[in-house]
């Protein structure tokens, strides 16, 4: 009986130690986000390597969504933190067909209605069989080294640190100016 207690105690100790010794933040991405390619809304390649040393906030955006007014707060975030944060809006039409426009129509809408000055990419798929490699990286722990997620709706946000590691992701209901995001920028 004494041996059984000793074995159980040893197993429990090892289990508890392994649970607390795993630091998800310390895992390195298997692929650098800086090696991924995506084009801006005009078709020019965005070199993500140019943003090393700054945080990056990726947001899948849409022009006809209930969360579309977040463009205004994304622009405020851009204005406030542009020395240390790059915001990249990624148009996507996978949620309720709420981004049906062409790249030109999307760009005109963003500038005319919200004065958007931050980067906007070409329209891509953020989930499914044709998921863009950027979103594969953002949503797959085996690649990003931090966590897996599913893009649930328009205006889901992914924050990357200055060295290209995923900090966290935020669902659509998290406003761009929320403490959850801003506290990572101070």
C-alpha atoms as a PDB file:
ATOM      1  CA  UNK A   1       0.000   0.000   0.000  1.00  0.00           C
ATOM      2  CA  UNK A   2       2.866   2.336   0.845  1.00  0.00           C
ATOM      3  CA  UNK A   3       4.417   1.670  -2.601  1.00  0.00           C
ATOM      4  CA  UNK A   4       1.129   2.404  -4.361  1.00  0.00           C
ATOM      5  CA  UNK A   5       0.829   5.756  -2.557  1.00  0.00           C
ATOM      6  CA  UNK A   6       4.414   6.575  -3.488  1.00  0.00           C
ATOM      7  CA  UNK A   7       3.804   5.692  -7.149  1.00  0.00           C
ATOM      8  CA  UNK A   8       0.559   7.710  -7.285  1.00  0.00           C
ATOM      9  CA  UNK A   9       2.222  10.679  -5.599  1.00  0.00           C
ATOM     10  CA  UNK A  10       5.138  10.504  -8.046  1.00  0.00           C
ATOM     11  CA  UNK A  11       2.823  10.318 -11.068  1.00  0.00           C
ATOM     12  CA  UNK A  12       0.720  13.220  -9.792  1.00  0.00           C
ATOM     13  CA  UNK A  13       3.843  15.297  -9.145  1.00  0.00           C
ATOM     14  CA  UNK A  14       5.126  14.659 -12.652  1.00  0.00           C
ATOM     15  CA  UNK A  15       1.722  15.477 -14.158  1.00  0.00           C
ATOM     16  CA  UNK A  16       1.399  18.730 -12.197  1.00  0.00           C
ATOM     17  CA  UNK A  17       4.977  19.733 -13.016  1.00  0.00           C
ATOM     18  CA  UNK A  18       4.422  19.122 -16.719  1.00  0.00           C
ATOM     19  CA  UNK A  19       1.224  21.190 -16.675  1.00  0.00           C
ATOM     20  CA  UNK A  20       2.936  24.173 -15.111  1.00  0.00           C
ATOM     21  CA  UNK A  21       6.256  23.914 -16.927  1.00  0.00           C
ATOM     22  CA  UNK A  22       4.742  24.294 -20.393  1.00  0.00           C
ATOM     23  CA  UNK A  23       4.978  27.928 -21.360  1.00  0.00           C
ATOM     24  CA  UNK A  24       3.035  28.357 -24.588  1.00  0.00           C
ATOM     25  CA  UNK A  25       4.568  31.784 -25.107  1.00  0.00           C
ATOM     26  CA  UNK A  26       8.064  30.339 -25.344  1.00  0.00           C
ATOM     27  CA  UNK A  27       7.359  28.079 -28.304  1.00  0.00           C
ATOM     28  CA  UNK A  28       8.852  29.343 -31.512  1.00  0.00           C
ATOM     29  CA  UNK A  29       6.742  29.532 -34.663  1.00  0.00           C
ATOM     30  CA  UNK A  30       7.675  26.836 -37.167  1.00  0.00           C
ATOM     31  CA  UNK A  31       7.447  29.422 -39.952  1.00  0.00           C
ATOM     32  CA  UNK A  32       8.241  33.103 -39.587  1.00  0.00           C
ATOM     33  CA  UNK A  33       5.289  35.364 -40.298  1.00  0.00           C
ATOM     34  CA  UNK A  34       7.790  37.625 -42.040  1.00  0.00           C
ATOM     35  CA  UNK A  35       8.266  35.022 -44.790  1.00  0.00           C
ATOM     36  CA  UNK A  36       4.574  35.035 -45.741  1.00  0.00           C
ATOM     37  CA  UNK A  37       3.331  36.979 -48.728  1.00  0.00           C
ATOM     38  CA  UNK A  38       0.168  38.982 -49.248  1.00  0.00           C
ATOM     39  CA  UNK A  39      -0.628  41.803 -51.636  1.00  0.00           C
ATOM     40  CA  UNK A  40      -2.063  45.172 -50.778  1.00  0.00           C
ATOM     41  CA  UNK A  41      -5.410  46.209 -52.224  1.00  0.00           C
ATOM     42  CA  UNK A  42      -3.682  47.600 -55.332  1.00  0.00           C
ATOM     43  CA  UNK A  43      -1.906  44.305 -56.015  1.00  0.00           C
ATOM     44  CA  UNK A  44       1.535  45.293 -54.697  1.00  0.00           C
ATOM     45  CA  UNK A  45       3.411  42.828 -52.491  1.00  0.00           C
ATOM     46  CA  UNK A  46       3.460  43.735 -48.796  1.00  0.00           C
ATOM     47  CA  UNK A  47       6.819  42.834 -47.290  1.00  0.00           C
ATOM     48  CA  UNK A  48       5.906  41.889 -43.710  1.00  0.00           C
ATOM     49  CA  UNK A  49       9.639  41.833 -42.882  1.00  0.00           C
ATOM     50  CA  UNK A  50       9.523  45.642 -43.150  1.00  0.00           C
ATOM     51  CA  UNK A  51       7.404  45.679 -39.982  1.00  0.00           C
ATOM     52  CA  UNK A  52       9.811  43.731 -37.782  1.00  0.00           C
ATOM     53  CA  UNK A  53      10.273  45.741 -34.588  1.00  0.00           C
ATOM     54  CA  UNK A  54       6.626  46.863 -34.567  1.00  0.00           C
ATOM     55  CA  UNK A  55       3.477  45.109 -33.517  1.00  0.00           C
ATOM     56  CA  UNK A  56       1.029  44.134 -36.265  1.00  0.00           C
ATOM     57  CA  UNK A  57      -2.748  43.902 -35.899  1.00  0.00           C
ATOM     58  CA  UNK A  58      -4.437  41.852 -38.625  1.00  0.00           C
ATOM     59  CA  UNK A  59      -8.204  42.339 -38.954  1.00  0.00           C
ATOM     60  CA  UNK A  60     -10.455  40.602 -41.455  1.00  0.00           C
ATOM     61  CA  UNK A  61     -12.763  43.398 -42.620  1.00  0.00           C
ATOM     62  CA  UNK A  62     -16.029  43.814 -44.527  1.00  0.00           C
ATOM     63  CA  UNK A  63     -17.943  46.841 -45.790  1.00  0.00           C
ATOM     64  CA  UNK A  64     -21.494  45.653 -45.093  1.00  0.00           C
ATOM     65  CA  UNK A  65     -21.208  44.223 -41.590  1.00  0.00           C
ATOM     66  CA  UNK A  66     -22.642  45.354 -38.282  1.00  0.00           C
ATOM     67  CA  UNK A  67     -19.012  45.668 -37.091  1.00  0.00           C
ATOM     68  CA  UNK A  68     -17.981  47.858 -40.065  1.00  0.00           C
ATOM     69  CA  UNK A  69     -17.982  51.012 -37.884  1.00  0.00           C
ATOM     70  CA  UNK A  70     -14.898  49.512 -36.198  1.00  0.00           C
ATOM     71  CA  UNK A  71     -12.988  50.979 -39.162  1.00  0.00           C
ATOM     72  CA  UNK A  72     -13.266  54.319 -37.340  1.00  0.00           C
ATOM     73  CA  UNK A  73     -11.678  52.964 -34.158  1.00  0.00           C
ATOM     74  CA  UNK A  74      -9.054  51.066 -36.150  1.00  0.00           C
ATOM     75  CA  UNK A  75      -8.095  54.392 -37.742  1.00  0.00           C
ATOM     76  CA  UNK A  76      -7.948  56.037 -34.273  1.00  0.00           C
ATOM     77  CA  UNK A  77      -5.729  53.166 -33.077  1.00  0.00           C
ATOM     78  CA  UNK A  78      -3.541  53.674 -36.146  1.00  0.00           C
ATOM     79  CA  UNK A  79      -3.269  57.415 -35.507  1.00  0.00           C
ATOM     80  CA  UNK A  80      -2.385  56.924 -31.828  1.00  0.00           C
ATOM     81  CA  UNK A  81       0.118  54.066 -32.120  1.00  0.00           C
ATOM     82  CA  UNK A  82       1.461  54.300 -35.685  1.00  0.00           C
ATOM     83  CA  UNK A  83       5.042  54.550 -34.406  1.00  0.00           C
ATOM     84  CA  UNK A  84       4.813  51.078 -32.864  1.00  0.00           C
ATOM     85  CA  UNK A  85       1.806  49.389 -34.519  1.00  0.00           C
ATOM     86  CA  UNK A  86       0.947  48.447 -38.085  1.00  0.00           C
ATOM     87  CA  UNK A  87      -2.722  47.749 -38.757  1.00  0.00           C
ATOM     88  CA  UNK A  88      -3.508  45.574 -41.748  1.00  0.00           C
ATOM     89  CA  UNK A  89      -7.138  45.204 -42.826  1.00  0.00           C
ATOM     90  CA  UNK A  90      -7.806  42.006 -44.751  1.00  0.00           C
ATOM     91  CA  UNK A  91     -11.069  42.086 -46.747  1.00  0.00           C
ATOM     92  CA  UNK A  92     -12.985  38.820 -46.780  1.00  0.00           C
ATOM     93  CA  UNK A  93     -16.372  37.873 -48.238  1.00  0.00           C
ATOM     94  CA  UNK A  94     -16.840  34.579 -46.355  1.00  0.00           C
ATOM     95  CA  UNK A  95     -19.250  35.803 -43.679  1.00  0.00           C
ATOM     96  CA  UNK A  96     -22.717  36.558 -44.976  1.00  0.00           C
ATOM     97  CA  UNK A  97     -21.355  37.898 -48.281  1.00  0.00           C
ATOM     98  CA  UNK A  98     -20.654  41.174 -46.487  1.00  0.00           C
ATOM     99  CA  UNK A  99     -17.650  42.151 -48.620  1.00  0.00           C
ATOM    100  CA  UNK A 100     -18.876  41.730 -52.198  1.00  0.00           C
ATOM    101  CA  UNK A 101     -16.973  44.696 -53.665  1.00  0.00           C
ATOM    102  CA  UNK A 102     -13.962  44.752 -55.932  1.00  0.00           C
ATOM    103  CA  UNK A 103     -10.623  45.856 -54.526  1.00  0.00           C
ATOM    104  CA  UNK A 104     -11.193  49.331 -55.982  1.00  0.00           C
ATOM    105  CA  UNK A 105     -14.689  49.552 -54.453  1.00  0.00           C
ATOM    106  CA  UNK A 106     -13.378  48.407 -51.061  1.00  0.00           C
ATOM    107  CA  UNK A 107     -10.552  50.958 -51.102  1.00  0.00           C
ATOM    108  CA  UNK A 108     -12.917  53.797 -52.085  1.00  0.00           C
ATOM    109  CA  UNK A 109     -15.415  52.775 -49.378  1.00  0.00           C
ATOM    110  CA  UNK A 110     -12.739  52.690 -46.653  1.00  0.00           C
ATOM    111  CA  UNK A 111     -11.265  56.067 -47.557  1.00  0.00           C
ATOM    112  CA  UNK A 112     -14.544  57.875 -48.232  1.00  0.00           C
ATOM    113  CA  UNK A 113     -16.489  56.618 -45.203  1.00  0.00           C
ATOM    114  CA  UNK A 114     -13.777  56.156 -42.565  1.00  0.00           C
ATOM    115  CA  UNK A 115     -10.671  57.994 -43.787  1.00  0.00           C
ATOM    116  CA  UNK A 116      -8.690  54.755 -43.602  1.00  0.00           C
ATOM    117  CA  UNK A 117      -4.944  55.330 -43.942  1.00  0.00           C
ATOM    118  CA  UNK A 118      -3.726  51.967 -42.635  1.00  0.00           C
ATOM    119  CA  UNK A 119      -2.888  49.102 -44.973  1.00  0.00           C
ATOM    120  CA  UNK A 120      -5.666  47.172 -46.676  1.00  0.00           C
ATOM    121  CA  UNK A 121      -4.856  43.945 -48.518  1.00  0.00           C
ATOM    122  CA  UNK A 122      -6.400  42.194 -51.455  1.00  0.00           C
ATOM    123  CA  UNK A 123      -9.567  40.229 -50.675  1.00  0.00           C
ATOM    124  CA  UNK A 124      -8.758  36.705 -49.413  1.00  0.00           C
ATOM    125  CA  UNK A 125     -10.317  33.689 -47.720  1.00  0.00           C
ATOM    126  CA  UNK A 126      -9.546  33.509 -44.000  1.00  0.00           C
ATOM    127  CA  UNK A 127     -10.868  29.977 -43.510  1.00  0.00           C
ATOM    128  CA  UNK A 128     -11.713  26.846 -45.478  1.00  0.00           C
ATOM    129  CA  UNK A 129     -10.067  25.075 -48.400  1.00  0.00           C
ATOM    130  CA  UNK A 130      -8.736  28.298 -49.948  1.00  0.00           C
ATOM    131  CA  UNK A 131      -7.527  29.834 -46.682  1.00  0.00           C
ATOM    132  CA  UNK A 132      -4.738  32.328 -47.329  1.00  0.00           C
ATOM    133  CA  UNK A 133      -1.354  31.203 -45.905  1.00  0.00           C
ATOM    134  CA  UNK A 134      -1.324  34.263 -43.612  1.00  0.00           C
ATOM    135  CA  UNK A 135      -4.520  33.089 -41.939  1.00  0.00           C
ATOM    136  CA  UNK A 136      -3.272  29.519 -41.833  1.00  0.00           C
ATOM    137  CA  UNK A 137      -0.336  30.892 -39.796  1.00  0.00           C
ATOM    138  CA  UNK A 138      -2.580  33.047 -37.591  1.00  0.00           C
ATOM    139  CA  UNK A 139      -4.995  30.208 -36.768  1.00  0.00           C
ATOM    140  CA  UNK A 140      -2.758  27.128 -36.469  1.00  0.00           C
ATOM    141  CA  UNK A 141      -0.748  26.553 -33.273  1.00  0.00           C
ATOM    142  CA  UNK A 142       1.508  24.038 -35.002  1.00  0.00           C
ATOM    143  CA  UNK A 143       2.701  26.899 -37.233  1.00  0.00           C
ATOM    144  CA  UNK A 144       2.443  30.027 -35.032  1.00  0.00           C
ATOM    145  CA  UNK A 145       3.643  28.342 -31.820  1.00  0.00           C
ATOM    146  CA  UNK A 146       0.999  29.995 -29.627  1.00  0.00           C
ATOM    147  CA  UNK A 147      -2.609  28.947 -30.196  1.00  0.00           C
ATOM    148  CA  UNK A 148      -5.159  27.624 -32.643  1.00  0.00           C
ATOM    149  CA  UNK A 149      -8.346  29.481 -33.455  1.00  0.00           C
ATOM    150  CA  UNK A 150     -11.109  29.699 -35.994  1.00  0.00           C
ATOM    151  CA  UNK A 151     -12.100  32.967 -37.595  1.00  0.00           C
ATOM    152  CA  UNK A 152     -15.713  33.264 -36.467  1.00  0.00           C
ATOM    153  CA  UNK A 153     -16.831  36.489 -38.205  1.00  0.00           C
ATOM    154  CA  UNK A 154     -15.722  39.767 -39.738  1.00  0.00           C
ATOM    155  CA  UNK A 155     -13.446  42.024 -37.676  1.00  0.00           C
ATOM    156  CA  UNK A 156     -11.704  39.258 -35.737  1.00  0.00           C
ATOM    157  CA  UNK A 157      -8.291  40.571 -34.736  1.00  0.00           C
ATOM    158  CA  UNK A 158      -4.829  38.967 -34.410  1.00  0.00           C
ATOM    159  CA  UNK A 159      -2.020  40.830 -32.632  1.00  0.00           C
ATOM    160  CA  UNK A 160       1.622  40.012 -33.430  1.00  0.00           C
ATOM    161  CA  UNK A 161       4.558  41.207 -31.321  1.00  0.00           C
ATOM    162  CA  UNK A 162       7.681  43.044 -32.490  1.00  0.00           C
ATOM    163  CA  UNK A 163       9.545  39.811 -33.214  1.00  0.00           C
ATOM    164  CA  UNK A 164       6.756  38.186 -35.223  1.00  0.00           C
ATOM    165  CA  UNK A 165       5.126  36.065 -32.527  1.00  0.00           C
ATOM    166  CA  UNK A 166       1.378  35.823 -32.002  1.00  0.00           C
ATOM    167  CA  UNK A 167       0.333  37.658 -28.833  1.00  0.00           C
ATOM    168  CA  UNK A 168      -3.389  36.886 -28.919  1.00  0.00           C
ATOM    169  CA  UNK A 169      -6.561  37.030 -30.980  1.00  0.00           C
ATOM    170  CA  UNK A 170      -9.783  38.905 -30.284  1.00  0.00           C
ATOM    171  CA  UNK A 171     -13.279  38.191 -31.543  1.00  0.00           C
ATOM    172  CA  UNK A 172     -15.334  40.744 -33.459  1.00  0.00           C
ATOM    173  CA  UNK A 173     -17.021  42.017 -30.313  1.00  0.00           C
ATOM    174  CA  UNK A 174     -13.680  43.284 -28.972  1.00  0.00           C
ATOM    175  CA  UNK A 175     -13.420  46.937 -29.970  1.00  0.00           C
ATOM    176  CA  UNK A 176     -10.041  47.956 -31.417  1.00  0.00           C
ATOM    177  CA  UNK A 177      -9.661  50.544 -28.620  1.00  0.00           C
ATOM    178  CA  UNK A 178     -10.430  48.059 -25.834  1.00  0.00           C
ATOM    179  CA  UNK A 179      -8.004  47.622 -22.959  1.00  0.00           C
ATOM    180  CA  UNK A 180      -7.419  44.033 -24.104  1.00  0.00           C
ATOM    181  CA  UNK A 181      -5.664  45.396 -27.184  1.00  0.00           C
ATOM    182  CA  UNK A 182      -4.380  48.793 -26.040  1.00  0.00           C
ATOM    183  CA  UNK A 183      -2.659  47.378 -22.928  1.00  0.00           C
ATOM    184  CA  UNK A 184      -0.419  45.378 -25.286  1.00  0.00           C
ATOM    185  CA  UNK A 185       0.631  48.581 -27.044  1.00  0.00           C
ATOM    186  CA  UNK A 186       1.722  50.664 -24.052  1.00  0.00           C
END
